[in-house]
Protein backbone atom coordinates (compact mmCIF):
# COMPACT_ATOMS: atom_id res chain seq x y z
CA MET A 1 -1.53 -15.11 -32.53
CA LYS A 2 1.85 -16.12 -31.04
CA TYR A 3 3.32 -14.33 -27.95
CA ASN A 4 6.41 -16.32 -27.07
CA THR A 5 8.30 -15.09 -30.13
CA LYS A 6 11.79 -14.93 -28.47
CA ASN A 7 11.84 -18.16 -26.60
CA TYR A 8 11.12 -16.44 -23.33
CA ASP A 9 11.68 -18.25 -20.10
CA TYR A 10 9.04 -16.26 -18.25
CA LEU A 11 5.84 -14.39 -18.79
CA ILE A 12 5.46 -11.91 -16.02
CA VAL A 13 1.90 -10.60 -15.55
CA GLY A 14 2.20 -7.18 -13.86
CA ALA A 15 4.94 -4.60 -14.06
CA GLY A 16 4.62 -3.64 -10.36
CA PRO A 17 7.24 -4.28 -7.71
CA PHE A 18 6.90 -8.07 -7.51
CA GLY A 19 7.00 -8.63 -11.24
CA SER A 20 9.70 -6.07 -11.91
CA VAL A 21 12.04 -7.51 -9.25
CA PHE A 22 11.51 -10.99 -10.61
CA ALA A 23 12.26 -9.84 -14.17
CA TYR A 24 15.38 -7.98 -13.06
CA GLU A 25 16.75 -10.92 -11.01
CA ALA A 26 15.91 -13.45 -13.69
CA ALA A 27 17.80 -11.36 -16.26
CA LYS A 28 20.81 -11.32 -13.99
CA ARG A 29 20.76 -15.11 -14.18
CA GLY A 30 20.57 -15.05 -18.02
CA LYS A 31 16.78 -15.69 -18.28
CA ARG A 32 14.59 -13.82 -20.79
CA SER A 33 11.19 -12.43 -19.70
CA LEU A 34 8.13 -10.79 -21.31
CA VAL A 35 6.49 -8.46 -18.87
CA ILE A 36 2.87 -7.34 -19.62
CA ASP A 37 0.63 -4.97 -17.71
CA LYS A 38 -2.98 -3.98 -18.45
CA ARG A 39 -2.20 -0.43 -17.26
CA LEU A 40 -0.49 2.00 -19.57
CA HIS A 41 2.58 2.29 -17.32
CA ILE A 42 5.08 0.23 -15.33
CA GLY A 43 5.49 0.53 -11.52
CA GLY A 44 2.10 -0.63 -10.35
CA ASN A 45 0.70 1.50 -7.50
CA MET A 46 4.13 2.97 -6.95
CA PHE A 47 4.00 4.89 -10.24
CA THR A 48 4.96 8.56 -10.09
CA HIS A 49 5.06 11.35 -12.59
CA LYS A 50 6.49 14.93 -12.52
CA GLU A 51 4.28 17.98 -12.63
CA HIS A 52 5.88 21.45 -12.47
CA GLY A 53 9.00 19.71 -11.10
CA ILE A 54 7.00 17.95 -8.31
CA ASN A 55 7.01 14.16 -7.94
CA VAL A 56 3.30 13.22 -7.80
CA HIS A 57 2.36 9.79 -6.51
CA ASP A 58 -0.53 8.67 -8.76
CA TYR A 59 -1.91 6.06 -6.43
CA GLY A 60 -1.59 7.61 -2.96
CA ALA A 61 1.37 8.42 -0.71
CA HIS A 62 4.27 5.96 -0.81
CA ILE A 63 7.01 6.43 1.86
CA PHE A 64 9.62 3.65 1.67
CA HIS A 65 10.40 2.34 5.17
CA THR A 66 12.02 -0.84 6.48
CA ASN A 67 14.02 -2.36 9.25
CA ASP A 68 15.56 -4.83 6.82
CA LYS A 69 19.06 -3.61 5.87
CA ARG A 70 19.24 -6.12 2.97
CA ILE A 71 16.08 -4.62 1.41
CA TRP A 72 17.25 -1.06 2.02
CA ASN A 73 20.62 -1.72 0.37
CA TYR A 74 18.93 -3.50 -2.55
CA MET A 75 16.69 -0.55 -3.23
CA ASN A 76 19.61 1.89 -3.07
CA GLN A 77 21.19 0.33 -6.14
CA PHE A 78 18.33 1.83 -8.20
CA THR A 79 17.87 5.18 -6.66
CA GLU A 80 19.14 7.82 -4.17
CA PHE A 81 16.77 8.22 -1.28
CA MET A 82 15.96 11.62 0.29
CA SER A 83 15.60 11.42 4.03
CA TYR A 84 11.95 11.86 4.92
CA THR A 85 10.00 11.58 8.19
CA ASN A 86 6.28 10.94 7.75
CA GLN A 87 4.41 13.32 10.16
CA VAL A 88 0.71 13.13 9.63
CA LEU A 89 -1.93 15.61 10.85
CA ALA A 90 -5.55 14.78 11.65
CA ASN A 91 -8.24 17.37 10.96
CA TYR A 92 -11.41 16.74 12.95
CA LYS A 93 -13.95 19.41 12.14
CA GLY A 94 -11.19 22.08 12.17
CA GLU A 95 -9.35 20.73 15.23
CA PHE A 96 -5.82 19.54 14.46
CA TYR A 97 -4.06 16.53 16.14
CA ASN A 98 -0.73 14.85 15.52
CA LEU A 99 -0.55 11.28 14.30
CA PRO A 100 0.37 8.56 15.06
CA PHE A 101 -1.03 8.74 18.63
CA ASN A 102 1.66 10.10 20.88
CA MET A 103 2.06 12.65 23.75
CA ASN A 104 1.47 15.47 21.39
CA THR A 105 -1.91 13.95 20.50
CA PHE A 106 -2.78 13.29 24.17
CA TYR A 107 -1.93 16.83 25.16
CA GLN A 108 -4.01 18.27 22.27
CA MET A 109 -6.92 16.05 23.25
CA TRP A 110 -6.84 16.17 27.01
CA GLY A 111 -4.17 18.66 28.13
CA VAL A 112 -2.16 15.87 29.81
CA LYS A 113 1.59 16.42 30.01
CA THR A 114 3.08 13.16 31.28
CA PRO A 115 2.94 9.57 30.06
CA LYS A 116 1.34 8.51 33.35
CA GLU A 117 -1.50 11.07 32.94
CA ALA A 118 -2.06 9.85 29.43
CA LYS A 119 -2.12 6.19 30.43
CA ASP A 120 -4.49 6.94 33.30
CA LYS A 121 -6.86 8.71 30.98
CA ILE A 122 -6.93 5.85 28.46
CA PHE A 123 -7.32 3.30 31.24
CA GLU A 124 -10.21 5.26 32.73
CA GLN A 125 -12.02 5.48 29.42
CA LYS A 126 -11.40 1.85 28.56
CA ASN A 127 -12.93 0.72 31.87
CA ALA A 128 -15.88 3.09 31.53
CA ALA A 129 -16.61 1.54 28.10
CA GLU A 130 -16.44 -1.93 29.68
CA ILE A 131 -14.17 -3.26 26.94
CA PRO A 132 -13.72 -7.07 27.20
CA LYS A 133 -10.35 -8.64 27.74
CA ASN A 134 -10.37 -9.98 24.09
CA PRO A 135 -11.89 -7.18 21.90
CA LYS A 136 -14.13 -8.78 19.22
CA ASN A 137 -14.26 -5.91 16.77
CA LEU A 138 -12.37 -2.81 15.64
CA GLU A 139 -14.29 -0.35 17.86
CA GLU A 140 -13.53 -2.31 21.04
CA GLN A 141 -9.85 -2.84 20.02
CA ALA A 142 -9.42 0.89 19.33
CA ILE A 143 -10.95 1.95 22.61
CA ALA A 144 -8.78 -0.59 24.43
CA LEU A 145 -5.66 0.98 22.87
CA ILE A 146 -6.31 4.77 23.06
CA GLY A 147 -9.69 5.42 24.87
CA THR A 148 -13.14 6.66 23.73
CA ASP A 149 -12.31 10.29 22.91
CA ILE A 150 -9.59 9.58 20.46
CA TYR A 151 -11.54 6.73 19.01
CA LYS A 152 -14.55 8.85 18.33
CA LYS A 153 -12.65 11.84 16.89
CA LEU A 154 -9.65 10.30 15.14
CA ILE A 155 -10.50 6.74 14.22
CA LYS A 156 -14.24 5.99 13.92
CA GLY A 157 -15.19 8.34 11.00
CA TYR A 158 -11.99 7.83 9.08
CA THR A 159 -12.06 4.03 9.38
CA GLU A 160 -15.71 3.69 8.48
CA LYS A 161 -15.16 5.82 5.33
CA GLN A 162 -12.05 3.77 4.51
CA TRP A 163 -13.76 0.45 4.70
CA GLY A 164 -17.38 1.29 3.96
CA ARG A 165 -18.57 -0.58 7.11
CA LYS A 166 -19.30 0.23 10.70
CA ALA A 167 -16.35 -0.17 13.06
CA THR A 168 -18.33 -2.74 15.06
CA GLU A 169 -18.45 -4.86 11.88
CA LEU A 170 -14.72 -4.76 11.20
CA PRO A 171 -12.31 -7.30 12.65
CA ALA A 172 -10.12 -6.15 15.58
CA PHE A 173 -6.88 -7.15 13.92
CA ILE A 174 -7.06 -4.30 11.42
CA ILE A 175 -6.15 -1.78 14.10
CA ARG A 176 -4.11 -4.04 16.46
CA ARG A 177 -0.75 -2.72 15.15
CA LEU A 178 -1.86 0.87 15.64
CA PRO A 179 1.24 2.88 16.77
CA VAL A 180 0.72 4.29 20.29
CA ARG A 181 3.66 6.17 21.80
CA TYR A 182 4.07 7.78 25.22
CA THR A 183 6.76 10.16 23.85
CA PHE A 184 6.48 13.42 21.98
CA ASP A 185 7.35 11.81 18.66
CA ASN A 186 5.36 12.50 15.46
CA ASN A 187 7.37 10.11 13.34
CA TYR A 188 4.72 7.79 11.85
CA PHE A 189 7.08 4.85 11.34
CA ASP A 190 9.49 3.23 13.74
CA ASP A 191 11.62 1.72 10.97
CA ARG A 192 15.39 2.38 10.93
CA TYR A 193 15.43 3.21 7.19
CA GLN A 194 12.97 5.70 5.80
CA GLY A 195 12.96 7.83 2.65
CA ILE A 196 11.53 8.83 -0.68
CA PRO A 197 13.35 8.37 -4.01
CA ILE A 198 14.81 11.72 -5.15
CA ASP A 199 13.66 11.16 -8.74
CA GLY A 200 10.37 9.43 -7.91
CA TYR A 201 9.54 5.75 -7.90
CA THR A 202 9.07 5.22 -11.63
CA GLN A 203 12.78 5.59 -12.28
CA ILE A 204 13.39 2.58 -10.09
CA PHE A 205 11.23 0.44 -12.40
CA ASN A 206 12.83 1.92 -15.49
CA LYS A 207 16.18 0.78 -14.25
CA MET A 208 14.93 -2.69 -13.16
CA LEU A 209 13.28 -3.39 -16.56
CA HIS A 210 16.08 -1.90 -18.73
CA SER A 211 17.74 -5.06 -20.07
CA GLU A 212 18.04 -6.68 -23.47
CA LEU A 213 16.61 -9.84 -21.79
CA ILE A 214 13.38 -8.02 -20.71
CA ASP A 215 10.60 -6.90 -23.03
CA VAL A 216 7.74 -4.80 -21.57
CA GLN A 217 4.28 -4.44 -23.10
CA VAL A 218 1.79 -2.04 -21.37
CA GLY A 219 -1.92 -1.78 -22.11
CA VAL A 220 -2.06 -5.64 -22.48
CA ASP A 221 -4.56 -7.72 -20.53
CA PHE A 222 -3.50 -11.28 -19.74
CA PHE A 223 -7.12 -12.42 -19.76
CA ASP A 224 -7.67 -11.41 -23.44
CA ASP A 225 -5.64 -14.43 -24.41
CA ARG A 226 -5.18 -16.37 -21.21
CA GLU A 227 -5.14 -19.89 -22.72
CA ILE A 228 -2.54 -18.92 -25.38
CA TYR A 229 -0.21 -17.46 -22.76
CA LEU A 230 -0.63 -20.59 -20.61
CA GLU A 231 0.17 -22.84 -23.59
CA GLU A 232 3.17 -20.89 -24.87
CA PHE A 233 5.07 -20.01 -21.69
CA PRO A 234 6.77 -22.62 -19.50
CA ARG A 235 6.73 -20.44 -16.41
CA ILE A 236 4.35 -17.56 -15.52
CA ILE A 237 4.65 -15.04 -12.71
CA TYR A 238 1.14 -13.82 -12.05
CA THR A 239 0.51 -10.74 -9.84
CA GLY A 240 -3.16 -10.12 -10.71
CA MET A 241 -6.26 -11.04 -8.72
CA ILE A 242 -6.04 -14.76 -7.74
CA ASP A 243 -9.85 -15.27 -7.93
CA GLN A 244 -9.88 -13.94 -11.51
CA PHE A 245 -7.12 -16.32 -12.56
CA PHE A 246 -9.33 -19.20 -11.50
CA ASP A 247 -12.43 -17.64 -13.12
CA TYR A 248 -14.03 -16.97 -9.67
CA LYS A 249 -14.79 -20.67 -9.29
CA PHE A 250 -14.96 -20.34 -5.41
CA GLY A 251 -16.60 -16.94 -5.51
CA GLU A 252 -15.36 -13.33 -5.79
CA LEU A 253 -12.99 -11.81 -3.25
CA GLU A 254 -13.91 -8.44 -2.01
CA TYR A 255 -11.79 -5.27 -2.01
CA ARG A 256 -12.04 -1.57 -1.35
CA SER A 257 -11.12 0.87 -4.02
CA ILE A 258 -10.01 4.54 -4.07
CA ARG A 259 -10.77 7.44 -6.36
CA PHE A 260 -8.06 10.12 -6.56
CA GLU A 261 -8.74 13.75 -7.30
CA SER A 262 -5.81 16.03 -8.00
CA GLN A 263 -5.65 19.71 -8.49
CA LEU A 264 -2.90 22.15 -9.39
CA PHE A 265 -2.68 25.45 -7.45
CA GLU A 266 -0.49 28.54 -8.05
CA SER A 267 0.99 28.51 -4.58
CA ASP A 268 4.06 27.20 -2.88
CA ASN A 269 2.17 25.87 0.20
CA MET A 270 -1.55 25.18 0.61
CA GLN A 271 -1.92 23.04 3.66
CA GLY A 272 1.42 23.20 5.41
CA ASN A 273 1.90 19.46 5.69
CA ALA A 274 2.43 16.51 3.38
CA VAL A 275 -0.58 14.49 4.59
CA VAL A 276 -3.72 15.64 6.47
CA ASN A 277 -6.29 13.03 7.41
CA TYR A 278 -9.93 14.17 7.59
CA THR A 279 -11.29 11.99 10.43
CA ASP A 280 -14.93 13.18 10.64
CA SER A 281 -17.56 11.10 8.93
CA GLU A 282 -19.08 14.01 7.01
CA THR A 283 -16.09 14.86 4.82
CA PRO A 284 -16.29 12.50 1.85
CA PHE A 285 -12.49 12.06 1.40
CA THR A 286 -10.14 10.47 3.92
CA ARG A 287 -6.92 12.51 3.39
CA VAL A 288 -5.22 15.13 1.34
CA MET A 289 -1.63 14.95 0.12
CA GLU A 290 0.42 17.94 -0.82
CA TRP A 291 3.17 16.50 -2.94
CA ARG A 292 5.76 19.35 -2.76
CA HIS A 293 6.12 18.64 0.99
CA PHE A 294 7.30 15.17 0.14
CA ASP A 295 9.85 16.56 -2.20
CA ARG A 296 12.18 19.22 -0.84
CA LYS A 297 13.76 19.74 -4.32
CA ALA A 298 10.45 21.19 -5.57
CA GLU A 299 10.81 24.80 -6.66
CA GLY A 300 8.50 27.50 -8.02
CA ASP A 301 5.09 28.72 -7.17
CA TYR A 302 2.95 25.65 -7.92
CA THR A 303 1.68 22.92 -5.71
CA VAL A 304 -0.38 19.74 -6.37
CA LEU A 305 -2.95 18.41 -3.94
CA THR A 306 -4.58 15.00 -4.18
CA LYS A 307 -7.71 13.95 -2.27
CA GLU A 308 -8.46 10.27 -1.63
CA TYR A 309 -12.06 9.10 -1.82
CA PRO A 310 -12.62 5.54 -0.71
CA GLN A 311 -15.25 3.72 -2.71
CA LYS A 312 -16.96 0.43 -3.21
CA TRP A 313 -14.99 -1.81 -5.51
CA ASP A 314 -16.34 -3.55 -8.60
CA LYS A 315 -14.61 -5.02 -11.63
CA THR A 316 -14.49 -1.62 -13.37
CA LYS A 317 -12.28 -0.11 -10.56
CA GLU A 318 -8.84 -0.81 -9.24
CA ALA A 319 -8.64 -3.25 -6.32
CA TYR A 320 -6.54 -1.58 -3.59
CA TYR A 321 -7.32 -3.04 -0.18
CA PRO A 322 -8.26 -6.69 0.37
CA ILE A 323 -11.11 -7.12 2.90
CA ASN A 324 -9.46 -9.89 5.01
CA ASP A 325 -12.56 -10.71 7.09
CA LYS A 326 -13.53 -14.25 7.92
CA LYS A 327 -15.70 -14.78 4.85
CA ASN A 328 -13.10 -13.60 2.39
CA SER A 329 -10.30 -15.36 4.23
CA GLU A 330 -12.08 -18.62 3.79
CA ILE A 331 -12.57 -18.03 0.10
CA PHE A 332 -8.92 -17.11 -0.33
CA LYS A 333 -7.78 -20.30 1.35
CA LYS A 334 -9.59 -22.35 -1.36
CA TYR A 335 -7.83 -20.33 -4.08
CA ARG A 336 -4.49 -20.68 -2.31
CA ARG A 337 -4.89 -24.49 -2.21
CA GLU A 338 -5.72 -24.45 -5.91
CA ALA A 339 -2.71 -22.25 -6.70
CA ASP A 340 -0.38 -24.65 -4.83
CA LYS A 341 -1.38 -27.35 -7.33
CA TYR A 342 -0.55 -25.09 -10.31
CA ASN A 343 3.08 -25.78 -10.84
CA GLN A 344 3.40 -23.61 -14.00
CA VAL A 345 2.51 -20.41 -12.18
CA ILE A 346 4.02 -18.42 -9.33
CA PHE A 347 1.36 -16.17 -7.61
CA GLY A 348 2.78 -13.00 -6.09
CA GLY A 349 2.06 -9.48 -4.93
CA ARG A 350 -0.87 -8.12 -2.96
CA LEU A 351 -3.56 -9.29 -5.43
CA GLY A 352 -1.99 -12.68 -6.07
CA ASN A 353 -1.72 -13.31 -2.30
CA TYR A 354 -4.87 -11.32 -1.33
CA GLN A 355 -2.89 -9.42 1.29
CA TYR A 356 -2.05 -5.80 1.87
CA TYR A 357 1.77 -5.39 1.81
CA ASP A 358 4.11 -2.53 2.74
CA MET A 359 6.56 -1.93 -0.02
CA ASP A 360 9.52 -3.51 1.61
CA GLN A 361 7.41 -6.72 2.23
CA VAL A 362 6.70 -6.97 -1.58
CA PHE A 363 10.32 -6.62 -2.55
CA ASN A 364 11.29 -9.17 0.17
CA ALA A 365 8.62 -11.57 -1.10
CA ALA A 366 9.86 -11.22 -4.74
CA LEU A 367 13.42 -11.90 -3.66
CA LYS A 368 12.36 -14.99 -1.72
CA ALA A 369 10.52 -16.23 -4.82
CA ILE A 370 13.60 -15.78 -6.92
CA ASP A 371 15.69 -17.72 -4.43
CA LYS A 372 13.16 -20.54 -4.39
CA GLU A 373 12.85 -20.58 -8.18
CA PHE A 374 16.50 -20.76 -8.90
CA SER A 375 17.27 -23.25 -6.13
CA ARG A 376 15.33 -25.66 -8.41
CA GLU A 377 18.11 -25.60 -10.92
């Protein structure tokens, strides 16, 4: 079996954002790439499809947001973005609260009406809980940021479902960047540029990979013929799991996975909001997305709702969230040192770098990798 049949310059393992950007930019520079993906589609976790005219995000809600004008302009060459403000609701046993935590949330929780009243309430609860100056776990960090009441109702159950661990066993840094605002502002993101592609995300990747210098093969697993690929291709862009590439020689890295359950309803509005988080511990799913609220072009009397069920990861499931605790971080460092010695291969993306990325961060990392790669010539 021979794979490098067209004198390809690159084999790109993964047709998600990192791999697709690299292929597109390499083609602009006259380089030929073969892109393979073990899934049956391109776009990675950003893949979308249309159902009754509604853009459905197959792997959870993706709202593009960035403060980087270069990345925003870069993405706009592939699509037109629809202005979109992410305003999330939390449902705690039938009680509704606005997210991220802001004056609306504080008023709903405590009836406070001024920033000072909200700050005083949080300070009072933080002191009563005797939170140390340097919180050592997620629970302590959360209470330090927003008090005991909000932690118990809106964070504890959701987070423990998401990670499959008690909040006291999770590192503090997971929640350190939690948005807390003392204004009546329900916009989840602070970024200057925010939006959703009018035609869905898949069209972006169709345009990136549409070149006579790029061939795409889906349903192809790199590891079925790993040694042949390594022998035949001079340069490989690898966006899969870094521990799998090295045959788990330092141990397996851990992830959390998600199961998505979608349902079509004959209705134009089922839950009244794009995203509703279910923050109690008893509800088995973490959130429900109603996709027509992401897409103001949607017409007709149908709507699609998707529930997210976090689950334990194993090799039969998709790896979504790296568990960046101390144990896994130490294992990853060993793989990273090994990867640095492997001059034939560029490791990229969330799995290749064992790091959760926002979309703009992945595109930025891919462009940096391109700059570095072609500065060698």
